[in-house]
PDB file of N, CA and C in Angstrom:
ATOM      1  N   MET A   1     326.352  69.739  49.849  1.00  0.00           N
ATOM      2  CA  MET A   1     326.916  68.573  49.571  1.00  0.00           C
ATOM      3  C   MET A   1     327.961  68.297  50.565  1.00  0.00           C
ATOM      4  N   ALA A   2     328.047  66.828  51.054  1.00  0.00           N
ATOM      5  CA  ALA A   2     329.288  66.787  52.077  1.00  0.00           C
ATOM      6  C   ALA A   2     330.552  66.749  51.409  1.00  0.00           C
ATOM      7  N   TYR A   3     330.790  66.211  50.113  1.00  0.00           N
ATOM      8  CA  TYR A   3     331.823  66.344  49.566  1.00  0.00           C
ATOM      9  C   TYR A   3     332.561  67.836  49.606  1.00  0.00           C
ATOM     10  N   ALA A   4     331.654  68.550  49.038  1.00  0.00           N
ATOM     11  CA  ALA A   4     332.227  70.073  48.749  1.00  0.00           C
ATOM     12  C   ALA A   4     332.608  70.605  50.385  1.00  0.00           C
ATOM     13  N   LYS A   5     331.767  70.191  51.243  1.00  0.00           N
ATOM     14  CA  LYS A   5     332.016  70.795  52.623  1.00  0.00           C
ATOM     15  C   LYS A   5     333.389  70.272  53.133  1.00  0.00           C
ATOM     16  N   GLU A   6     333.638  69.139  52.876  1.00  0.00           N
ATOM     17  CA  GLU A   6     334.872  68.311  53.220  1.00  0.00           C
ATOM     18  C   GLU A   6     336.070  68.870  52.591  1.00  0.00           C
ATOM     19  N   LYS A   7     335.948  69.246  51.325  1.00  0.00           N
ATOM     20  CA  LYS A   7     337.204  69.700  50.550  1.00  0.00           C
ATOM     21  C   LYS A   7     337.255  71.386  50.826  1.00  0.00           C
ATOM     22  N   LEU A   8     336.399  71.915  51.129  1.00  0.00           N
ATOM     23  CA  LEU A   8     336.474  73.302  51.487  1.00  0.00           C
ATOM     24  C   LEU A   8     336.761  73.716  52.820  1.00  0.00           C
ATOM     25  N   SER A   9     336.875  72.674  53.807  1.00  0.00           N
ATOM     26  CA  SER A   9     337.024  72.996  55.219  1.00  0.00           C
ATOM     27  C   SER A   9     338.332  73.732  55.557  1.00  0.00           C
ATOM     28  N   ASP A  10     339.229  73.908  54.570  1.00  0.00           N
ATOM     29  CA  ASP A  10     340.330  74.594  54.781  1.00  0.00           C
ATOM     30  C   ASP A  10     340.212  75.942  54.992  1.00  0.00           C
ATOM     31  N   LEU A  11     339.106  76.544  54.609  1.00  0.00           N
ATOM     32  CA  LEU A  11     338.578  77.718  54.752  1.00  0.00           C
ATOM     33  C   LEU A  11     338.554  78.372  56.155  1.00  0.00           C
ATOM     34  N   ASP A  12     338.174  77.370  57.111  1.00  0.00           N
ATOM     35  CA  ASP A  12     338.259  77.337  58.421  1.00  0.00           C
ATOM     36  C   ASP A  12     339.827  77.854  58.991  1.00  0.00           C
ATOM     37  N   ARG A  13     340.706  77.290  58.500  1.00  0.00           N
ATOM     38  CA  ARG A  13     342.045  77.554  58.689  1.00  0.00           C
ATOM     39  C   ARG A  13     342.415  78.883  58.146  1.00  0.00           C
ATOM     40  N   PHE A  14     342.074  79.446  57.169  1.00  0.00           N
ATOM     41  CA  PHE A  14     342.137  80.639  56.819  1.00  0.00           C
ATOM     42  C   PHE A  14     341.537  81.765  57.446  1.00  0.00           C
ATOM     43  N   ALA A  15     340.391  81.484  57.915  1.00  0.00           N
ATOM     44  CA  ALA A  15     339.898  82.356  58.916  1.00  0.00           C
ATOM     45  C   ALA A  15     340.720  82.609  60.091  1.00  0.00           C
ATOM     46  N   GLN A  16     341.234  81.549  60.576  1.00  0.00           N
ATOM     47  CA  GLN A  16     342.045  81.627  62.015  1.00  0.00           C
ATOM     48  C   GLN A  16     343.211  82.497  61.764  1.00  0.00           C
ATOM     49  N   ASP A  17     343.992  82.260  60.412  1.00  0.00           N
ATOM     50  CA  ASP A  17     345.229  82.850  60.159  1.00  0.00           C
ATOM     51  C   ASP A  17     345.081  84.240  59.571  1.00  0.00           C
ATOM     52  N   GLU A  18     344.050  84.545  58.914  1.00  0.00           N
ATOM     53  CA  GLU A  18     344.291  85.827  58.212  1.00  0.00           C
ATOM     54  C   GLU A  18     343.218  86.817  58.777  1.00  0.00           C
ATOM     55  N   VAL A  19     341.819  86.235  58.879  1.00  0.00           N
ATOM     56  CA  VAL A  19     340.945  87.370  59.216  1.00  0.00           C
ATOM     57  C   VAL A  19     339.999  86.629  60.061  1.00  0.00           C
ATOM     58  N   ARG A  20     339.396  87.612  60.970  1.00  0.00           N
ATOM     59  CA  ARG A  20     338.209  87.045  61.894  1.00  0.00           C
ATOM     60  C   ARG A  20     337.196  86.515  61.466  1.00  0.00           C
ATOM     61  N   GLU A  21     336.671  87.364  60.500  1.00  0.00           N
ATOM     62  CA  GLU A  21     335.351  87.436  59.896  1.00  0.00           C
ATOM     63  C   GLU A  21     335.274  87.460  58.267  1.00  0.00           C
ATOM     64  N   PHE A  22     334.765  86.562  57.424  1.00  0.00           N
ATOM     65  CA  PHE A  22     334.471  86.315  56.152  1.00  0.00           C
ATOM     66  C   PHE A  22     333.156  85.693  55.833  1.00  0.00           C
ATOM     67  N   GLN A  23     332.925  85.858  54.437  1.00  0.00           N
ATOM     68  CA  GLN A  23     331.761  85.118  54.152  1.00  0.00           C
ATOM     69  C   GLN A  23     332.311  84.442  52.570  1.00  0.00           C
ATOM     70  N   ALA A  24     331.813  83.056  52.529  1.00  0.00           N
ATOM     71  CA  ALA A  24     332.435  82.305  51.644  1.00  0.00           C
ATOM     72  C   ALA A  24     330.978  81.748  50.874  1.00  0.00           C
ATOM     73  N   ASP A  25     330.813  81.895  49.532  1.00  0.00           N
ATOM     74  CA  ASP A  25     329.662  81.434  48.908  1.00  0.00           C
ATOM     75  C   ASP A  25     330.116  80.531  47.790  1.00  0.00           C
ATOM     76  N   LEU A  26     329.581  79.363  47.772  1.00  0.00           N
ATOM     77  CA  LEU A  26     329.736  78.371  46.723  1.00  0.00           C
ATOM     78  C   LEU A  26     328.535  78.035  45.966  1.00  0.00           C
ATOM     79  N   GLU A  27     328.888  78.125  44.722  1.00  0.00           N
ATOM     80  CA  GLU A  27     327.630  78.078  43.663  1.00  0.00           C
ATOM     81  C   GLU A  27     328.040  76.612  42.896  1.00  0.00           C
ATOM     82  N   LEU A  28     327.037  75.557  43.024  1.00  0.00           N
ATOM     83  CA  LEU A  28     327.374  74.377  41.989  1.00  0.00           C
ATOM     84  C   LEU A  28     326.174  74.549  41.199  1.00  0.00           C
ATOM     85  N   SER A  29     326.400  74.085  39.917  1.00  0.00           N
ATOM     86  CA  SER A  29     325.483  73.982  39.004  1.00  0.00           C
ATOM     87  C   SER A  29     325.676  73.205  37.854  1.00  0.00           C
ATOM     88  N   LYS A  30     324.585  72.674  37.082  1.00  0.00           N
ATOM     89  CA  LYS A  30     324.989  72.057  35.875  1.00  0.00           C
ATOM     90  C   LYS A  30     324.193  72.851  34.805  1.00  0.00           C
ATOM     91  N   PRO A  31     324.929  73.771  34.007  1.00  0.00           N
ATOM     92  CA  PRO A  31     324.425  74.550  33.221  1.00  0.00           C
ATOM     93  C   PRO A  31     323.994  73.856  31.871  1.00  0.00           C
ATOM     94  N   SER A  32     323.108  74.505  31.026  1.00  0.00           N
ATOM     95  CA  SER A  32     322.414  74.081  30.062  1.00  0.00           C
ATOM     96  C   SER A  32     323.607  74.015  28.868  1.00  0.00           C
ATOM     97  N   ASN A  33     323.725  72.796  28.134  1.00  0.00           N
ATOM     98  CA  ASN A  33     324.887  72.699  27.046  1.00  0.00           C
ATOM     99  C   ASN A  33     324.188  73.412  25.864  1.00  0.00           C
ATOM    100  N   HIS A  34     323.299  74.053  25.823  1.00  0.00           N
ATOM    101  CA  HIS A  34     322.767  75.041  24.465  1.00  0.00           C
ATOM    102  C   HIS A  34     323.556  75.534  23.929  1.00  0.00           C
ATOM    103  N   HIS A  35     324.281  76.227  24.466  1.00  0.00           N
ATOM    104  CA  HIS A  35     325.349  77.139  23.879  1.00  0.00           C
ATOM    105  C   HIS A  35     326.950  76.990  24.116  1.00  0.00           C
ATOM    106  N   ARG A  36     327.004  75.622  24.796  1.00  0.00           N
ATOM    107  CA  ARG A  36     328.249  75.264  25.076  1.00  0.00           C
ATOM    108  C   ARG A  36     328.448  73.827  24.169  1.00  0.00           C
ATOM    109  N   LYS A  37     329.857  73.800  23.981  1.00  0.00           N
ATOM    110  CA  LYS A  37     330.299  72.495  23.240  1.00  0.00           C
ATOM    111  C   LYS A  37     331.332  71.812  24.103  1.00  0.00           C
ATOM    112  N   GLY A  38     331.286  70.409  24.066  1.00  0.00           N
ATOM    113  CA  GLY A  38     332.417  69.793  24.949  1.00  0.00           C
ATOM    114  C   GLY A  38     331.869  68.954  26.240  1.00  0.00           C
ATOM    115  N   PRO A  39     332.515  68.475  26.718  1.00  0.00           N
ATOM    116  CA  PRO A  39     332.216  67.491  27.846  1.00  0.00           C
ATOM    117  C   PRO A  39     332.049  68.191  29.244  1.00  0.00           C
ATOM    118  N   GLU A  40     332.502  69.311  29.416  1.00  0.00           N
ATOM    119  CA  GLU A  40     332.471  70.123  30.757  1.00  0.00           C
ATOM    120  C   GLU A  40     330.990  70.514  30.934  1.00  0.00           C
ATOM    121  N   SER A  41     330.299  69.765  31.770  1.00  0.00           N
ATOM    122  CA  SER A  41     328.959  70.110  32.080  1.00  0.00           C
ATOM    123  C   SER A  41     328.541  70.438  33.473  1.00  0.00           C
ATOM    124  N   PHE A  42     329.618  70.571  34.328  1.00  0.00           N
ATOM    125  CA  PHE A  42     329.341  71.075  35.774  1.00  0.00           C
ATOM    126  C   PHE A  42     329.951  72.323  36.001  1.00  0.00           C
ATOM    127  N   TYR A  43     329.545  73.088  36.796  1.00  0.00           N
ATOM    128  CA  TYR A  43     330.125  74.474  37.209  1.00  0.00           C
ATOM    129  C   TYR A  43     330.260  74.628  38.531  1.00  0.00           C
ATOM    130  N   ALA A  44     331.437  75.004  39.201  1.00  0.00           N
ATOM    131  CA  ALA A  44     331.607  75.427  40.609  1.00  0.00           C
ATOM    132  C   ALA A  44     332.263  76.969  40.612  1.00  0.00           C
ATOM    133  N   GLU A  45     331.638  77.790  41.511  1.00  0.00           N
ATOM    134  CA  GLU A  45     331.909  78.967  41.625  1.00  0.00           C
ATOM    135  C   GLU A  45     332.157  79.132  43.176  1.00  0.00           C
ATOM    136  N   LEU A  46     333.493  79.725  43.885  1.00  0.00           N
ATOM    137  CA  LEU A  46     333.778  79.873  44.904  1.00  0.00           C
ATOM    138  C   LEU A  46     334.196  81.477  45.061  1.00  0.00           C
ATOM    139  N   ASN A  47     333.434  82.252  45.932  1.00  0.00           N
ATOM    140  CA  ASN A  47     333.602  83.569  46.094  1.00  0.00           C
ATOM    141  C   ASN A  47     333.738  83.688  47.698  1.00  0.00           C
ATOM    142  N   LEU A  48     335.019  84.500  48.006  1.00  0.00           N
ATOM    143  CA  LEU A  48     335.069  84.648  49.403  1.00  0.00           C
ATOM    144  C   LEU A  48     335.196  86.275  49.459  1.00  0.00           C
ATOM    145  N   GLN A  49     334.345  86.831  50.245  1.00  0.00           N
ATOM    146  CA  GLN A  49     334.266  88.242  50.775  1.00  0.00           C
ATOM    147  C   GLN A  49     335.146  88.455  51.805  1.00  0.00           C
ATOM    148  N   LEU A  50     336.082  89.264  51.648  1.00  0.00           N
ATOM    149  CA  LEU A  50     337.071  89.648  53.024  1.00  0.00           C
ATOM    150  C   LEU A  50     336.663  91.219  53.234  1.00  0.00           C
ATOM    151  N   PRO A  51     337.134  91.520  54.563  1.00  0.00           N
ATOM    152  CA  PRO A  51     336.852  92.912  55.005  1.00  0.00           C
ATOM    153  C   PRO A  51     337.829  93.821  54.170  1.00  0.00           C
ATOM    154  N   GLY A  52     337.089  95.139  53.956  1.00  0.00           N
ATOM    155  CA  GLY A  52     337.742  96.066  53.261  1.00  0.00           C
ATOM    156  C   GLY A  52     337.300  95.880  51.530  1.00  0.00           C
ATOM    157  N   LYS A  53     336.360  95.315  51.522  1.00  0.00           N
ATOM    158  CA  LYS A  53     335.601  95.103  49.971  1.00  0.00           C
ATOM    159  C   LYS A  53     336.670  94.286  48.978  1.00  0.00           C
ATOM    160  N   LYS A  54     337.453  93.418  49.715  1.00  0.00           N
ATOM    161  CA  LYS A  54     338.274  92.516  48.727  1.00  0.00           C
ATOM    162  C   LYS A  54     337.451  91.260  48.508  1.00  0.00           C
ATOM    163  N   LEU A  55     337.564  90.923  47.264  1.00  0.00           N
ATOM    164  CA  LEU A  55     336.753  89.350  46.893  1.00  0.00           C
ATOM    165  C   LEU A  55     337.921  88.647  46.184  1.00  0.00           C
ATOM    166  N   LEU A  56     337.962  87.352  46.748  1.00  0.00           N
ATOM    167  CA  LEU A  56     338.528  86.243  46.196  1.00  0.00           C
ATOM    168  C   LEU A  56     337.738  85.564  45.251  1.00  0.00           C
ATOM    169  N   ARG A  57     337.903  85.339  44.007  1.00  0.00           N
ATOM    170  CA  ARG A  57     337.011  84.270  43.387  1.00  0.00           C
ATOM    171  C   ARG A  57     337.659  83.255  42.502  1.00  0.00           C
ATOM    172  N   SER A  58     336.927  82.135  42.185  1.00  0.00           N
ATOM    173  CA  SER A  58     337.456  81.074  41.385  1.00  0.00           C
ATOM    174  C   SER A  58     336.369  80.370  40.660  1.00  0.00           C
ATOM    175  N   GLU A  59     336.478  79.948  39.544  1.00  0.00           N
ATOM    176  CA  GLU A  59     335.444  79.065  39.086  1.00  0.00           C
ATOM    177  C   GLU A  59     336.020  78.304  38.081  1.00  0.00           C
ATOM    178  N   ALA A  60     335.194  76.767  37.878  1.00  0.00           N
ATOM    179  CA  ALA A  60     335.732  75.894  37.013  1.00  0.00           C
ATOM    180  C   ALA A  60     334.446  75.066  36.479  1.00  0.00           C
ATOM    181  N   TYR A  61     334.965  74.575  35.349  1.00  0.00           N
ATOM    182  CA  TYR A  61     334.058  73.526  34.493  1.00  0.00           C
ATOM    183  C   TYR A  61     334.714  72.247  34.610  1.00  0.00           C
ATOM    184  N   ALA A  62     333.929  71.239  34.649  1.00  0.00           N
ATOM    185  CA  ALA A  62     334.504  69.866  34.633  1.00  0.00           C
ATOM    186  C   ALA A  62     333.342  68.855  34.076  1.00  0.00           C
ATOM    187  N   SER A  63     333.863  67.649  33.965  1.00  0.00           N
ATOM    188  CA  SER A  63     333.009  66.607  33.336  1.00  0.00           C
ATOM    189  C   SER A  63     332.118  66.100  34.591  1.00  0.00           C
ATOM    190  N   ASP A  64     332.613  66.095  35.628  1.00  0.00           N
ATOM    191  CA  ASP A  64     331.830  65.709  36.874  1.00  0.00           C
ATOM    192  C   ASP A  64     331.748  66.644  38.102  1.00  0.00           C
ATOM    193  N   LEU A  65     330.605  66.812  38.897  1.00  0.00           N
ATOM    194  CA  LEU A  65     330.692  67.662  39.948  1.00  0.00           C
ATOM    195  C   LEU A  65     331.734  67.720  40.948  1.00  0.00           C
ATOM    196  N   ARG A  66     332.457  66.479  41.301  1.00  0.00           N
ATOM    197  CA  ARG A  66     333.514  66.285  42.267  1.00  0.00           C
ATOM    198  C   ARG A  66     334.600  66.904  41.625  1.00  0.00           C
ATOM    199  N   ALA A  67     335.098  66.738  40.209  1.00  0.00           N
ATOM    200  CA  ALA A  67     336.018  67.056  39.510  1.00  0.00           C
ATOM    201  C   ALA A  67     335.948  68.862  39.501  1.00  0.00           C
ATOM    202  N   ALA A  68     334.796  69.183  39.401  1.00  0.00           N
ATOM    203  CA  ALA A  68     334.777  70.930  39.465  1.00  0.00           C
ATOM    204  C   ALA A  68     334.930  71.295  40.848  1.00  0.00           C
ATOM    205  N   ILE A  69     334.518  70.591  41.783  1.00  0.00           N
ATOM    206  CA  ILE A  69     334.838  71.116  43.056  1.00  0.00           C
ATOM    207  C   ILE A  69     336.238  70.986  43.464  1.00  0.00           C
ATOM    208  N   ASP A  70     337.109  69.889  43.027  1.00  0.00           N
ATOM    209  CA  ASP A  70     338.456  69.822  43.208  1.00  0.00           C
ATOM    210  C   ASP A  70     339.289  71.138  42.384  1.00  0.00           C
ATOM    211  N   GLU A  71     338.523  71.390  41.208  1.00  0.00           N
ATOM    212  CA  GLU A  71     339.464  72.536  40.419  1.00  0.00           C
ATOM    213  C   GLU A  71     339.162  73.839  40.960  1.00  0.00           C
ATOM    214  N   VAL A  72     337.904  74.030  41.499  1.00  0.00           N
ATOM    215  CA  VAL A  72     337.522  75.411  42.041  1.00  0.00           C
ATOM    216  C   VAL A  72     338.530  75.210  43.266  1.00  0.00           C
ATOM    217  N   LYS A  73     338.497  74.463  44.039  1.00  0.00           N
ATOM    218  CA  LYS A  73     339.501  74.520  45.332  1.00  0.00           C
ATOM    219  C   LYS A  73     340.951  74.887  44.902  1.00  0.00           C
ATOM    220  N   GLU A  74     341.515  74.172  43.892  1.00  0.00           N
ATOM    221  CA  GLU A  74     342.793  74.388  43.407  1.00  0.00           C
ATOM    222  C   GLU A  74     342.961  75.763  42.948  1.00  0.00           C
ATOM    223  N   GLU A  75     342.202  76.269  42.158  1.00  0.00           N
ATOM    224  CA  GLU A  75     342.379  77.798  41.518  1.00  0.00           C
ATOM    225  C   GLU A  75     342.370  78.696  42.642  1.00  0.00           C
ATOM    226  N   PHE A  76     341.436  78.527  43.707  1.00  0.00           N
ATOM    227  CA  PHE A  76     341.195  79.317  44.851  1.00  0.00           C
ATOM    228  C   PHE A  76     342.367  79.277  45.753  1.00  0.00           C
ATOM    229  N   GLU A  77     343.061  78.120  46.092  1.00  0.00           N
ATOM    230  CA  GLU A  77     344.497  77.990  46.822  1.00  0.00           C
ATOM    231  C   GLU A  77     345.080  78.959  45.959  1.00  0.00           C
ATOM    232  N   ARG A  78     345.234  78.995  44.549  1.00  0.00           N
ATOM    233  CA  ARG A  78     346.168  79.944  43.912  1.00  0.00           C
ATOM    234  C   ARG A  78     346.145  81.452  44.300  1.00  0.00           C
ATOM    235  N   GLU A  79     344.767  81.817  44.075  1.00  0.00           N
ATOM    236  CA  GLU A  79     344.215  83.012  44.516  1.00  0.00           C
ATOM    237  C   GLU A  79     344.779  83.362  45.796  1.00  0.00           C
ATOM    238  N   LEU A  80     344.461  82.593  46.621  1.00  0.00           N
ATOM    239  CA  LEU A  80     344.855  82.883  48.147  1.00  0.00           C
ATOM    240  C   LEU A  80     346.326  83.114  48.304  1.00  0.00           C
ATOM    241  N   LYS A  81     347.136  82.269  47.878  1.00  0.00           N
ATOM    242  CA  LYS A  81     348.446  82.361  47.807  1.00  0.00           C
ATOM    243  C   LYS A  81     349.171  83.741  47.050  1.00  0.00           C
ATOM    244  N   LYS A  82     348.365  84.245  45.986  1.00  0.00           N
ATOM    245  CA  LYS A  82     348.552  85.339  45.536  1.00  0.00           C
ATOM    246  C   LYS A  82     348.130  86.577  46.516  1.00  0.00           C
ATOM    247  N   TYR A  83     347.016  86.463  47.083  1.00  0.00           N
ATOM    248  CA  TYR A  83     346.418  87.531  48.143  1.00  0.00           C
ATOM    249  C   TYR A  83     347.521  87.427  49.105  1.00  0.00           C
ATOM    250  N   LYS A  84     348.084  86.408  49.602  1.00  0.00           N
ATOM    251  CA  LYS A  84     348.664  86.639  50.752  1.00  0.00           C
ATOM    252  C   LYS A  84     350.250  87.035  50.484  1.00  0.00           C
ATOM    253  N   GLY A  85     350.569  86.711  49.224  1.00  0.00           N
ATOM    254  CA  GLY A  85     351.932  87.255  48.802  1.00  0.00           C
ATOM    255  C   GLY A  85     351.856  88.598  48.574  1.00  0.00           C
ATOM    256  N   LYS A  86     350.614  89.353  48.130  1.00  0.00           N
ATOM    257  CA  LYS A  86     350.505  90.736  47.918  1.00  0.00           C
ATOM    258  C   LYS A  86     350.514  91.344  49.358  1.00  0.00           C
ATOM    259  N   LYS A  87     349.745  90.888  50.374  1.00  0.00           N
ATOM    260  CA  LYS A  87     349.715  91.256  51.444  1.00  0.00           C
ATOM    261  C   LYS A  87     351.029  91.329  52.390  1.00  0.00           C
ATOM    262  N   LEU A  88     352.042  90.358  52.119  1.00  0.00           N
ATOM    263  CA  LEU A  88     353.348  90.369  52.666  1.00  0.00           C
ATOM    264  C   LEU A  88     354.315  91.243  51.922  1.00  0.00           C
ATOM    265  N   ASP A  89     354.103  91.515  50.671  1.00  0.00           N
ATOM    266  CA  ASP A  89     354.749  92.428  50.131  1.00  0.00           C
ATOM    267  C   ASP A  89     354.671  93.868  50.748  1.00  0.00           C
ATOM    268  N   LYS A  90     353.343  94.209  50.863  1.00  0.00           N
ATOM    269  CA  LYS A  90     353.007  95.559  51.264  1.00  0.00           C
ATOM    270  C   LYS A  90     353.526  95.679  52.790  1.00  0.00           C
ATOM    271  N   ALA A  91     353.554  94.782  53.453  1.00  0.00           N
ATOM    272  CA  ALA A  91     354.212  94.792  54.684  1.00  0.00           C
ATOM    273  C   ALA A  91     355.506  95.131  55.032  1.00  0.00           C
ATOM    274  N   LYS A  92     356.172  94.491  53.926  1.00  0.00           N
ATOM    275  CA  LYS A  92     357.764  94.496  53.846  1.00  0.00           C
ATOM    276  C   LYS A  92     357.914  95.969  53.317  1.00  0.00           C
ATOM    277  N   GLU A  93     357.253  96.471  52.399  1.00  0.00           N
ATOM    278  CA  GLU A  93     357.688  97.706  51.903  1.00  0.00           C
ATOM    279  C   GLU A  93     357.165  98.732  52.803  1.00  0.00           C
ATOM    280  N   ALA A  94     356.307  98.695  53.608  1.00  0.00           N
ATOM    281  CA  ALA A  94     355.998  99.729  54.850  1.00  0.00           C
ATOM    282  C   ALA A  94     357.309  99.554  55.896  1.00  0.00           C
ATOM    283  N   ALA A  95     357.690  98.269  56.071  1.00  0.00           N
ATOM    284  CA  ALA A  95     358.744  98.327  57.011  1.00  0.00           C
ATOM    285  C   ALA A  95     360.205  98.623  56.465  1.00  0.00           C
ATOM    286  N   ARG A  96     360.263  98.601  55.281  1.00  0.00           N
ATOM    287  CA  ARG A  96     361.419  99.313  54.470  1.00  0.00           C
ATOM    288  C   ARG A  96     361.416 100.668  54.632  1.00  0.00           C
ATOM    289  N   GLU A  97     360.235 101.299  54.166  1.00  0.00           N
ATOM    290  CA  GLU A  97     360.041 102.772  54.321  1.00  0.00           C
ATOM    291  C   GLU A  97     360.090 103.362  55.652  1.00  0.00           C
ATOM    292  N   SER A  98     359.732 102.500  56.754  1.00  0.00           N
ATOM    293  CA  SER A  98     359.846 103.052  58.056  1.00  0.00           C
ATOM    294  C   SER A  98     361.215 103.221  58.544  1.00  0.00           C
ATOM    295  N   LYS A  99     362.004 101.994  58.222  1.00  0.00           N
ATOM    296  CA  LYS A  99     363.477 101.917  58.269  1.00  0.00           C
ATOM    297  C   LYS A  99     364.183 102.883  57.817  1.00  0.00           C
ATOM    298  N   ASP A 100     363.828 103.243  56.454  1.00  0.00           N
ATOM    299  CA  ASP A 100     364.471 104.334  55.771  1.00  0.00           C
ATOM    300  C   ASP A 100     364.385 105.837  56.262  1.00  0.00           C
ATOM    301  N   VAL A 101     363.107 106.043  56.857  1.00  0.00           N
ATOM    302  CA  VAL A 101     362.704 107.321  57.669  1.00  0.00           C
ATOM    303  C   VAL A 101     363.593 107.464  59.001  1.00  0.00           C
ATOM    304  N   ARG A 102     363.826 106.402  59.534  1.00  0.00           N
ATOM    305  CA  ARG A 102     364.523 106.249  60.636  1.00  0.00           C
ATOM    306  C   ARG A 102     365.931 106.593  60.366  1.00  0.00           C
ATOM    307  N   ARG A 103     366.511 106.033  59.335  1.00  0.00           N
ATOM    308  CA  ARG A 103     367.749 106.192  58.990  1.00  0.00           C
ATOM    309  C   ARG A 103     368.226 107.676  58.808  1.00  0.00           C
ATOM    310  N   PHE A 104     367.299 108.328  57.887  1.00  0.00           N
ATOM    311  CA  PHE A 104     367.490 109.694  57.771  1.00  0.00           C
ATOM    312  C   PHE A 104     367.130 110.589  58.650  1.00  0.00           C
ATOM    313  N   SER A 105     366.540 110.303  59.840  1.00  0.00           N
ATOM    314  CA  SER A 105     366.163 111.134  60.963  1.00  0.00           C
ATOM    315  C   SER A 105     367.375 111.592  61.721  1.00  0.00           C
TER     316      SER A 105
END
């Protein structure tokens, strides 16, 4: 679907900034309402497999397909910011430990 491709094209920028190789899977569906109640009738799920067995995942239900795509993108962006924050925190901690070791040597 062209709308999904357009909305999720930011992943290309992520590839350039963070990693050289990744796999992204987008699942769009209209699940049966047999067990569900309410107006949410479309489902979108985005999985991004990163090197090192790290998986970023987001999912959303909405009343129309475009809204589900928008929601899954927003949730994915939150997950990505959290991932980048953890990665930055680890780098800062490693730098701090390195500095402490040099100070005591």
